[in-house]
């Protein structure tokens, strides 16, 4: 028994459509599997993570409320590692007392940043950032400073943390 000509045409059309769909799905799966292990993609993700964590941490290290100096300096310790962390931990109590006594508060905002070095195998990175710091003294008029920093970062299980922070003179090349 033969199918009418119209039904044979429809069956052939559906068969062709399903074949094309299967080929497109197979190509999509192959492309996904190919890029999943792509070194350039993983390098880009590491760079983006280092940049995001570095920007957040630099802004945090330029922000302190004199009324909550001890807690703010405690947060500084959570975003640092290595020698920078050790230095800040050693001066934490004295720094908190000085900030409380002065009554000066600051708020840092990273306006631009870039990763300048990244070693994914060693888990280290360097970044440069420009920061706008609003300084509010206990008495007087608030001012805004613009600063540039070079930061060293180290990858930890909790993300990238600052290991060094150096002020770069404005106007220096």
N, C-alpha and C. Protein backbone atom coordinates (compact mmCIF):
# COMPACT_ATOMS: atom_id res chain seq x y z
N UNK A 1 0.85 -1.17 0.00
CA UNK A 1 0.00 0.00 0.00
C UNK A 1 0.90 1.23 0.00
N UNK A 2 0.61 2.09 -0.90
CA UNK A 2 1.42 3.29 -1.05
C UNK A 2 0.71 4.45 -0.42
N UNK A 3 1.52 5.33 0.22
CA UNK A 3 0.97 6.54 0.80
C UNK A 3 0.68 7.53 -0.31
N UNK A 4 -0.35 8.31 -0.11
CA UNK A 4 -0.61 9.34 -1.12
C UNK A 4 0.59 10.28 -1.23
N UNK A 5 0.73 10.88 -2.37
CA UNK A 5 1.86 11.75 -2.67
C UNK A 5 2.00 12.88 -1.66
N UNK A 6 0.91 13.49 -1.20
CA UNK A 6 0.94 14.60 -0.23
C UNK A 6 1.53 14.14 1.10
N UNK A 7 1.13 12.95 1.57
CA UNK A 7 1.65 12.44 2.84
C UNK A 7 3.14 12.12 2.74
N UNK A 8 3.56 11.58 1.58
CA UNK A 8 4.98 11.29 1.40
C UNK A 8 5.80 12.57 1.45
N UNK A 9 5.31 13.64 0.89
CA UNK A 9 6.00 14.94 0.90
C UNK A 9 6.12 15.50 2.31
N UNK A 10 5.03 15.37 3.07
CA UNK A 10 5.06 15.86 4.47
C UNK A 10 6.03 15.03 5.31
N UNK A 11 6.02 13.73 5.13
CA UNK A 11 6.93 12.86 5.89
C UNK A 11 8.38 13.20 5.55
N UNK A 12 8.66 13.44 4.30
CA UNK A 12 10.02 13.81 3.91
C UNK A 12 10.40 15.16 4.50
N UNK A 13 9.46 16.10 4.56
CA UNK A 13 9.71 17.42 5.16
C UNK A 13 10.02 17.31 6.64
N UNK A 14 9.23 16.50 7.35
CA UNK A 14 9.46 16.32 8.78
C UNK A 14 10.80 15.61 9.04
N UNK A 15 11.09 14.63 8.21
CA UNK A 15 12.36 13.92 8.36
C UNK A 15 13.54 14.89 8.16
N UNK A 16 13.44 15.74 7.17
CA UNK A 16 14.50 16.72 6.92
C UNK A 16 14.61 17.70 8.08
N UNK A 17 13.47 18.16 8.60
CA UNK A 17 13.48 19.11 9.73
C UNK A 17 14.12 18.49 10.96
N UNK A 18 13.77 17.25 11.26
CA UNK A 18 14.35 16.58 12.43
C UNK A 18 15.85 16.34 12.24
N UNK A 19 16.24 16.03 11.03
CA UNK A 19 17.66 15.82 10.74
C UNK A 19 18.45 17.11 10.95
N UNK A 20 17.93 18.21 10.44
CA UNK A 20 18.59 19.51 10.62
C UNK A 20 18.66 19.87 12.11
N UNK A 21 17.57 19.64 12.85
CA UNK A 21 17.56 19.94 14.29
C UNK A 21 18.60 19.11 15.03
N UNK A 22 18.72 17.84 14.67
CA UNK A 22 19.70 16.98 15.33
C UNK A 22 21.13 17.45 15.02
N UNK A 23 21.38 17.85 13.79
CA UNK A 23 22.71 18.35 13.42
C UNK A 23 23.04 19.63 14.17
N UNK A 24 22.08 20.55 14.27
CA UNK A 24 22.29 21.81 15.00
C UNK A 24 22.58 21.52 16.47
N UNK A 25 21.82 20.61 17.08
CA UNK A 25 22.06 20.24 18.49
C UNK A 25 23.45 19.63 18.67
N UNK A 26 23.84 18.77 17.74
CA UNK A 26 25.15 18.14 17.84
C UNK A 26 26.26 19.18 17.72
N UNK A 27 26.12 20.12 16.79
CA UNK A 27 27.12 21.18 16.64
C UNK A 27 27.19 22.06 17.89
N UNK A 28 26.04 22.37 18.47
CA UNK A 28 26.01 23.17 19.70
C UNK A 28 26.71 22.46 20.84
N UNK A 29 26.45 21.17 20.99
CA UNK A 29 27.10 20.39 22.06
C UNK A 29 28.61 20.32 21.84
N UNK A 30 29.02 20.12 20.59
CA UNK A 30 30.44 20.06 20.29
C UNK A 30 31.11 21.41 20.58
N UNK A 31 30.47 22.50 20.19
CA UNK A 31 31.02 23.84 20.42
C UNK A 31 31.14 24.12 21.92
N UNK A 32 30.13 23.75 22.69
CA UNK A 32 30.17 23.95 24.14
C UNK A 32 31.30 23.15 24.76
N UNK A 33 31.41 21.89 24.37
CA UNK A 33 32.47 21.04 24.92
C UNK A 33 33.85 21.56 24.54
N UNK A 34 33.97 22.10 23.34
CA UNK A 34 35.25 22.63 22.88
C UNK A 34 35.67 23.87 23.67
N UNK A 35 34.75 24.78 23.93
CA UNK A 35 35.09 26.02 24.65
C UNK A 35 35.17 25.81 26.15
N UNK A 36 34.58 24.77 26.65
CA UNK A 36 34.58 24.54 28.09
C UNK A 36 36.00 24.36 28.62
N UNK A 37 36.85 23.74 27.85
CA UNK A 37 38.23 23.55 28.27
C UNK A 37 39.18 24.56 27.66
N UNK A 38 38.65 25.61 27.09
CA UNK A 38 39.45 26.63 26.40
C UNK A 38 40.30 27.42 27.40
N UNK A 39 41.61 27.42 27.19
CA UNK A 39 42.51 28.14 28.08
C UNK A 39 42.27 29.64 28.06
N UNK A 40 41.99 30.19 26.89
CA UNK A 40 41.74 31.64 26.79
C UNK A 40 40.50 32.02 27.58
N UNK A 41 39.49 31.17 27.54
CA UNK A 41 38.26 31.45 28.28
C UNK A 41 38.52 31.40 29.79
N UNK A 42 39.24 30.40 30.26
CA UNK A 42 39.52 30.31 31.70
C UNK A 42 40.45 31.44 32.14
N UNK A 43 41.38 31.85 31.29
CA UNK A 43 42.26 32.98 31.60
C UNK A 43 41.43 34.26 31.73
N UNK A 44 40.51 34.45 30.82
CA UNK A 44 39.64 35.63 30.86
C UNK A 44 38.78 35.66 32.12
N UNK A 45 38.28 34.50 32.51
CA UNK A 45 37.47 34.43 33.73
C UNK A 45 38.32 34.76 34.96
N UNK A 46 39.55 34.25 35.00
CA UNK A 46 40.44 34.54 36.12
C UNK A 46 40.78 36.02 36.17
N UNK A 47 41.04 36.62 35.00
CA UNK A 47 41.33 38.05 34.93
C UNK A 47 40.14 38.87 35.42
N UNK A 48 38.95 38.51 34.99
CA UNK A 48 37.75 39.24 35.41
C UNK A 48 37.52 39.11 36.91
N UNK A 49 37.76 37.92 37.46
CA UNK A 49 37.59 37.71 38.90
C UNK A 49 38.61 38.52 39.69
N UNK A 50 39.88 38.52 39.24
CA UNK A 50 40.92 39.29 39.92
C UNK A 50 40.60 40.78 39.87
N UNK A 51 40.12 41.25 38.74
CA UNK A 51 39.78 42.67 38.59
C UNK A 51 38.62 43.05 39.51
N UNK A 52 37.57 42.25 39.51
CA UNK A 52 36.40 42.56 40.34
C UNK A 52 36.75 42.54 41.83
N UNK A 53 37.46 41.49 42.27
CA UNK A 53 37.84 41.41 43.68
C UNK A 53 38.81 42.52 44.05
N UNK A 54 39.77 42.81 43.17
CA UNK A 54 40.73 43.87 43.44
C UNK A 54 40.08 45.23 43.56
N UNK A 55 39.15 45.54 42.66
CA UNK A 55 38.44 46.82 42.73
C UNK A 55 37.67 46.94 44.04
N UNK A 56 36.94 45.90 44.39
CA UNK A 56 36.15 45.91 45.62
C UNK A 56 37.06 46.09 46.84
N UNK A 57 38.17 45.37 46.86
CA UNK A 57 39.05 45.40 48.03
C UNK A 57 39.79 46.73 48.16
N UNK A 58 40.22 47.31 47.03
CA UNK A 58 40.89 48.62 47.09
C UNK A 58 39.92 49.68 47.59
N UNK A 59 38.69 49.64 47.12
CA UNK A 59 37.68 50.60 47.60
C UNK A 59 37.49 50.43 49.10
N UNK A 60 37.44 49.18 49.56
CA UNK A 60 37.24 48.92 50.99
C UNK A 60 38.41 49.43 51.82
N UNK A 61 39.64 49.28 51.33
CA UNK A 61 40.80 49.74 52.08
C UNK A 61 40.93 51.26 52.09
N UNK A 62 40.12 51.93 51.31
CA UNK A 62 40.11 53.40 51.31
C UNK A 62 38.84 53.94 51.96
N UNK A 63 38.12 53.09 52.66
CA UNK A 63 36.87 53.48 53.31
C UNK A 63 36.93 53.13 54.79
N UNK A 64 36.66 54.13 55.62
CA UNK A 64 36.58 53.90 57.06
C UNK A 64 35.68 54.96 57.68
N UNK A 65 34.83 54.52 58.58
CA UNK A 65 33.97 55.42 59.34
C UNK A 65 34.58 55.54 60.73
N UNK A 66 34.93 56.75 61.15
CA UNK A 66 35.59 56.95 62.44
C UNK A 66 34.76 56.39 63.59
N UNK A 67 33.44 56.43 63.46
CA UNK A 67 32.57 55.92 64.53
C UNK A 67 32.62 54.40 64.62
N UNK A 68 33.02 53.74 63.54
CA UNK A 68 33.07 52.27 63.52
C UNK A 68 34.45 51.80 63.06
N UNK A 69 35.48 52.51 63.49
CA UNK A 69 36.84 52.25 63.00
C UNK A 69 37.28 50.81 63.26
N UNK A 70 37.00 50.28 64.43
CA UNK A 70 37.45 48.93 64.76
C UNK A 70 36.83 47.90 63.81
N UNK A 71 35.52 48.02 63.57
CA UNK A 71 34.84 47.09 62.67
C UNK A 71 35.33 47.26 61.23
N UNK A 72 35.51 48.51 60.80
CA UNK A 72 35.98 48.75 59.43
C UNK A 72 37.39 48.20 59.22
N UNK A 73 38.27 48.40 60.20
CA UNK A 73 39.62 47.86 60.08
C UNK A 73 39.60 46.33 60.13
N UNK A 74 38.64 45.78 60.85
CA UNK A 74 38.47 44.32 60.86
C UNK A 74 38.09 43.80 59.47
N UNK A 75 37.25 44.56 58.75
CA UNK A 75 36.90 44.18 57.38
C UNK A 75 38.12 44.26 56.47
N UNK A 76 39.00 45.20 56.75
CA UNK A 76 40.23 45.30 55.95
C UNK A 76 41.01 43.99 56.03
N UNK A 77 41.03 43.39 57.21
CA UNK A 77 41.78 42.15 57.39
C UNK A 77 41.18 41.00 56.59
N UNK A 78 39.87 41.05 56.32
CA UNK A 78 39.22 39.96 55.58
C UNK A 78 39.53 39.99 54.09
N UNK A 79 40.03 41.11 53.58
CA UNK A 79 40.30 41.21 52.14
C UNK A 79 41.79 41.26 51.83
N UNK A 80 42.62 41.01 52.84
CA UNK A 80 44.07 41.04 52.64
C UNK A 80 44.67 39.68 52.98
N UNK A 81 45.86 39.44 52.46
CA UNK A 81 46.59 38.20 52.73
C UNK A 81 48.08 38.53 52.73
N UNK A 82 48.87 37.60 53.20
CA UNK A 82 50.32 37.75 53.15
C UNK A 82 50.85 38.91 53.96
N UNK A 83 51.90 39.57 53.45
CA UNK A 83 52.57 40.63 54.21
C UNK A 83 51.66 41.82 54.51
N UNK A 84 50.77 42.17 53.59
CA UNK A 84 49.86 43.29 53.85
C UNK A 84 48.93 42.97 55.01
N UNK A 85 48.42 41.75 55.03
CA UNK A 85 47.55 41.33 56.13
C UNK A 85 48.31 41.34 57.46
N UNK A 86 49.52 40.81 57.45
CA UNK A 86 50.32 40.77 58.68
C UNK A 86 50.60 42.18 59.21
N UNK A 87 50.94 43.10 58.31
CA UNK A 87 51.22 44.47 58.72
C UNK A 87 49.96 45.13 59.30
N UNK A 88 48.82 44.94 58.65
CA UNK A 88 47.58 45.54 59.14
C UNK A 88 47.12 44.92 60.46
N UNK A 89 47.30 43.63 60.59
CA UNK A 89 46.93 42.97 61.85
C UNK A 89 47.79 43.48 63.00
N UNK A 90 49.05 43.75 62.72
CA UNK A 90 49.96 44.23 63.76
C UNK A 90 49.67 45.65 64.23
N UNK A 91 49.09 46.47 63.37
CA UNK A 91 48.82 47.87 63.73
C UNK A 91 47.33 48.15 63.93
N UNK A 92 46.52 47.11 63.92
CA UNK A 92 45.06 47.26 63.98
C UNK A 92 44.60 48.10 65.18
N UNK A 93 45.03 47.75 66.37
CA UNK A 93 44.58 48.44 67.58
C UNK A 93 45.00 49.91 67.58
N UNK A 94 46.26 50.17 67.26
CA UNK A 94 46.76 51.55 67.23
C UNK A 94 46.06 52.36 66.14
N UNK A 95 45.85 51.76 64.97
CA UNK A 95 45.17 52.47 63.88
C UNK A 95 43.74 52.81 64.25
N UNK A 96 43.03 51.88 64.89
CA UNK A 96 41.64 52.13 65.29
C UNK A 96 41.58 53.28 66.30
N UNK A 97 42.50 53.30 67.25
CA UNK A 97 42.52 54.37 68.25
C UNK A 97 42.80 55.72 67.59
N UNK A 98 43.74 55.76 66.67
CA UNK A 98 44.07 57.01 65.97
C UNK A 98 42.88 57.52 65.17
N UNK A 99 42.20 56.62 64.47
CA UNK A 99 41.04 57.02 63.67
C UNK A 99 39.90 57.53 64.54
N UNK A 100 39.65 56.85 65.65
CA UNK A 100 38.59 57.30 66.56
C UNK A 100 38.91 58.68 67.12
N UNK A 101 40.16 58.89 67.47
CA UNK A 101 40.57 60.17 68.05
C UNK A 101 40.46 61.30 67.03
N UNK A 102 40.85 61.05 65.79
CA UNK A 102 40.81 62.11 64.77
C UNK A 102 39.38 62.41 64.33
N UNK A 103 38.53 61.40 64.33
CA UNK A 103 37.15 61.59 63.90
C UNK A 103 36.99 61.72 62.40
N UNK A 104 38.03 61.47 61.65
CA UNK A 104 37.97 61.59 60.19
C UNK A 104 37.48 60.29 59.56
N UNK A 105 36.54 60.43 58.64
CA UNK A 105 36.01 59.29 57.90
C UNK A 105 36.35 59.45 56.43
N UNK A 106 36.50 58.32 55.74
CA UNK A 106 36.79 58.35 54.30
C UNK A 106 35.88 57.38 53.57
N UNK A 107 35.66 57.67 52.31
CA UNK A 107 34.89 56.75 51.46
C UNK A 107 35.60 56.68 50.11
N UNK A 108 36.11 55.50 49.79
CA UNK A 108 36.83 55.31 48.53
C UNK A 108 35.95 54.68 47.46
N UNK A 109 36.10 55.19 46.24
CA UNK A 109 35.39 54.65 45.09
C UNK A 109 36.40 54.44 43.97
N UNK A 110 36.52 53.23 43.49
CA UNK A 110 37.42 52.95 42.37
C UNK A 110 36.76 53.46 41.10
N UNK A 111 37.44 54.38 40.41
CA UNK A 111 36.88 54.95 39.19
C UNK A 111 37.38 54.25 37.93
N UNK A 112 38.53 53.59 38.02
CA UNK A 112 39.05 52.84 36.89
C UNK A 112 40.10 51.87 37.39
N UNK A 113 40.21 50.73 36.75
CA UNK A 113 41.20 49.73 37.15
C UNK A 113 41.49 48.80 35.98
N UNK A 114 42.67 48.20 36.01
CA UNK A 114 43.05 47.24 34.98
C UNK A 114 44.04 46.24 35.56
N UNK A 115 43.92 45.00 35.14
CA UNK A 115 44.89 43.96 35.51
C UNK A 115 46.09 44.13 34.59
N UNK A 116 47.28 44.28 35.19
CA UNK A 116 48.50 44.48 34.41
C UNK A 116 49.32 43.20 34.29
N UNK A 117 49.16 42.29 35.24
CA UNK A 117 49.86 41.00 35.20
C UNK A 117 48.94 39.95 35.80
N UNK A 118 48.98 38.75 35.23
CA UNK A 118 48.19 37.64 35.76
C UNK A 118 48.93 36.34 35.50
N UNK A 119 49.19 35.61 36.57
CA UNK A 119 49.80 34.29 36.47
C UNK A 119 48.82 33.31 37.09
N UNK A 120 48.05 32.63 36.25
CA UNK A 120 47.01 31.74 36.77
C UNK A 120 47.61 30.52 37.44
N UNK A 121 48.78 30.08 37.01
CA UNK A 121 49.40 28.91 37.64
C UNK A 121 49.88 29.23 39.05
N UNK A 122 50.51 30.39 39.22
CA UNK A 122 50.99 30.79 40.54
C UNK A 122 49.88 31.39 41.39
N UNK A 123 48.79 31.80 40.76
CA UNK A 123 47.68 32.42 41.50
C UNK A 123 48.01 33.82 41.97
N UNK A 124 48.71 34.58 41.12
CA UNK A 124 49.06 35.95 41.47
C UNK A 124 48.63 36.91 40.37
N UNK A 125 48.41 38.14 40.76
CA UNK A 125 48.03 39.18 39.79
C UNK A 125 48.48 40.53 40.30
N UNK A 126 48.60 41.47 39.38
CA UNK A 126 48.86 42.87 39.72
C UNK A 126 47.81 43.70 39.02
N UNK A 127 47.41 44.77 39.68
CA UNK A 127 46.45 45.65 39.07
C UNK A 127 46.74 47.07 39.44
N UNK A 128 46.35 47.99 38.56
CA UNK A 128 46.45 49.42 38.83
C UNK A 128 45.04 49.97 38.92
N UNK A 129 44.86 50.96 39.78
CA UNK A 129 43.52 51.52 39.97
C UNK A 129 43.61 53.00 40.31
N UNK A 130 42.62 53.74 39.86
CA UNK A 130 42.46 55.13 40.30
C UNK A 130 41.27 55.14 41.25
N UNK A 131 41.44 55.88 42.33
CA UNK A 131 40.44 55.89 43.39
C UNK A 131 40.10 57.33 43.76
N UNK A 132 38.83 57.58 43.89
CA UNK A 132 38.36 58.88 44.38
C UNK A 132 38.02 58.67 45.85
N UNK A 133 38.67 59.45 46.72
CA UNK A 133 38.48 59.30 48.16
C UNK A 133 37.86 60.58 48.72
N UNK A 134 36.69 60.44 49.28
CA UNK A 134 36.02 61.57 49.93
C UNK A 134 36.41 61.54 51.40
N UNK A 135 37.07 62.60 51.86
CA UNK A 135 37.56 62.70 53.24
C UNK A 135 36.65 63.66 53.99
N UNK A 136 36.05 63.15 55.07
CA UNK A 136 35.16 63.96 55.89
C UNK A 136 35.77 64.09 57.28
N UNK A 137 36.36 65.27 57.60
CA UNK A 137 36.95 65.46 58.92
C UNK A 137 35.86 65.64 59.98
N UNK A 138 36.25 65.50 61.24
CA UNK A 138 35.28 65.67 62.33
C UNK A 138 34.69 67.07 62.28
N UNK A 139 35.50 68.05 61.97
CA UNK A 139 35.02 69.42 61.80
C UNK A 139 35.62 69.95 60.51
N UNK A 140 34.90 70.76 59.83
CA UNK A 140 35.43 71.33 58.59
C UNK A 140 34.69 70.79 57.38
N UNK A 141 35.19 71.19 56.25
CA UNK A 141 34.56 70.85 54.98
C UNK A 141 35.13 69.56 54.40
N UNK A 142 34.28 68.67 53.92
CA UNK A 142 34.78 67.46 53.26
C UNK A 142 35.54 67.81 51.98
N UNK A 143 36.53 67.00 51.66
CA UNK A 143 37.31 67.19 50.44
C UNK A 143 37.33 65.87 49.66
N UNK A 144 37.72 65.97 48.42
CA UNK A 144 37.84 64.77 47.59
C UNK A 144 39.25 64.69 47.03
N UNK A 145 39.89 63.57 47.25
CA UNK A 145 41.23 63.32 46.73
C UNK A 145 41.15 62.27 45.63
N UNK A 146 42.07 62.37 44.70
CA UNK A 146 42.18 61.36 43.65
C UNK A 146 43.52 60.67 43.84
N UNK A 147 43.50 59.34 43.93
CA UNK A 147 44.72 58.57 44.18
C UNK A 147 44.86 57.46 43.15
N UNK A 148 46.10 57.03 42.96
CA UNK A 148 46.37 55.88 42.10
C UNK A 148 47.13 54.85 42.92
N UNK A 149 46.79 53.60 42.69
CA UNK A 149 47.42 52.51 43.43
C UNK A 149 47.85 51.40 42.48
N UNK A 150 48.91 50.71 42.89
CA UNK A 150 49.28 49.44 42.28
C UNK A 150 49.07 48.39 43.36
N UNK A 151 48.39 47.33 43.01
CA UNK A 151 48.06 46.30 44.00
C UNK A 151 48.56 44.95 43.55
N UNK A 152 49.04 44.18 44.51
CA UNK A 152 49.37 42.78 44.28
C UNK A 152 48.25 41.94 44.85
N UNK A 153 47.87 40.90 44.14
CA UNK A 153 46.79 40.03 44.59
C UNK A 153 47.24 38.58 44.58
N UNK A 154 46.61 37.80 45.43
CA UNK A 154 46.88 36.37 45.50
C UNK A 154 45.54 35.64 45.53
N UNK A 155 45.46 34.55 44.75
CA UNK A 155 44.22 33.77 44.72
C UNK A 155 44.16 32.87 45.96
N UNK A 156 43.04 32.93 46.66
CA UNK A 156 42.81 32.10 47.84
C UNK A 156 41.52 31.31 47.61
N UNK A 157 41.22 30.35 48.47
CA UNK A 157 39.94 29.63 48.32
C UNK A 157 38.73 30.57 48.39
N UNK A 158 38.88 31.71 49.05
CA UNK A 158 37.78 32.67 49.17
C UNK A 158 37.79 33.74 48.09
N UNK A 159 38.63 33.59 47.07
CA UNK A 159 38.72 34.59 46.00
C UNK A 159 40.07 35.29 46.05
N UNK A 160 40.21 36.34 45.27
CA UNK A 160 41.46 37.09 45.20
C UNK A 160 41.54 38.05 46.38
N UNK A 161 42.72 38.12 47.01
CA UNK A 161 42.93 39.02 48.14
C UNK A 161 44.18 39.86 47.89
N UNK A 162 44.17 41.07 48.46
CA UNK A 162 45.30 41.98 48.30
C UNK A 162 46.48 41.53 49.16
N UNK A 163 47.66 41.50 48.56
CA UNK A 163 48.88 41.17 49.30
C UNK A 163 49.82 42.36 49.37
N UNK A 164 49.57 43.36 48.53
CA UNK A 164 50.38 44.58 48.53
C UNK A 164 49.52 45.71 47.98
N UNK A 165 49.74 46.91 48.50
CA UNK A 165 49.04 48.09 48.00
C UNK A 165 50.00 49.26 48.10
N UNK A 166 50.37 49.80 46.95
CA UNK A 166 51.35 50.88 46.88
C UNK A 166 50.74 52.08 46.18
N UNK A 167 50.88 53.25 46.81
CA UNK A 167 50.41 54.49 46.18
C UNK A 167 51.35 54.85 45.04
N UNK A 168 50.79 55.22 43.91
CA UNK A 168 51.56 55.67 42.75
C UNK A 168 51.36 57.17 42.65
N UNK A 169 52.44 57.95 42.66
CA UNK A 169 52.27 59.40 42.59
C UNK A 169 51.51 59.81 41.32
N UNK A 170 50.56 60.70 41.46
CA UNK A 170 49.81 61.19 40.31
C UNK A 170 50.77 62.00 39.46
N UNK A 171 50.76 61.76 38.17
CA UNK A 171 51.69 62.42 37.27
C UNK A 171 52.89 61.55 36.95
N UNK A 172 53.06 60.44 37.67
CA UNK A 172 54.16 59.52 37.38
C UNK A 172 53.77 58.63 36.21
N UNK A 173 54.73 58.26 35.41
CA UNK A 173 54.44 57.41 34.25
C UNK A 173 54.53 55.97 34.62
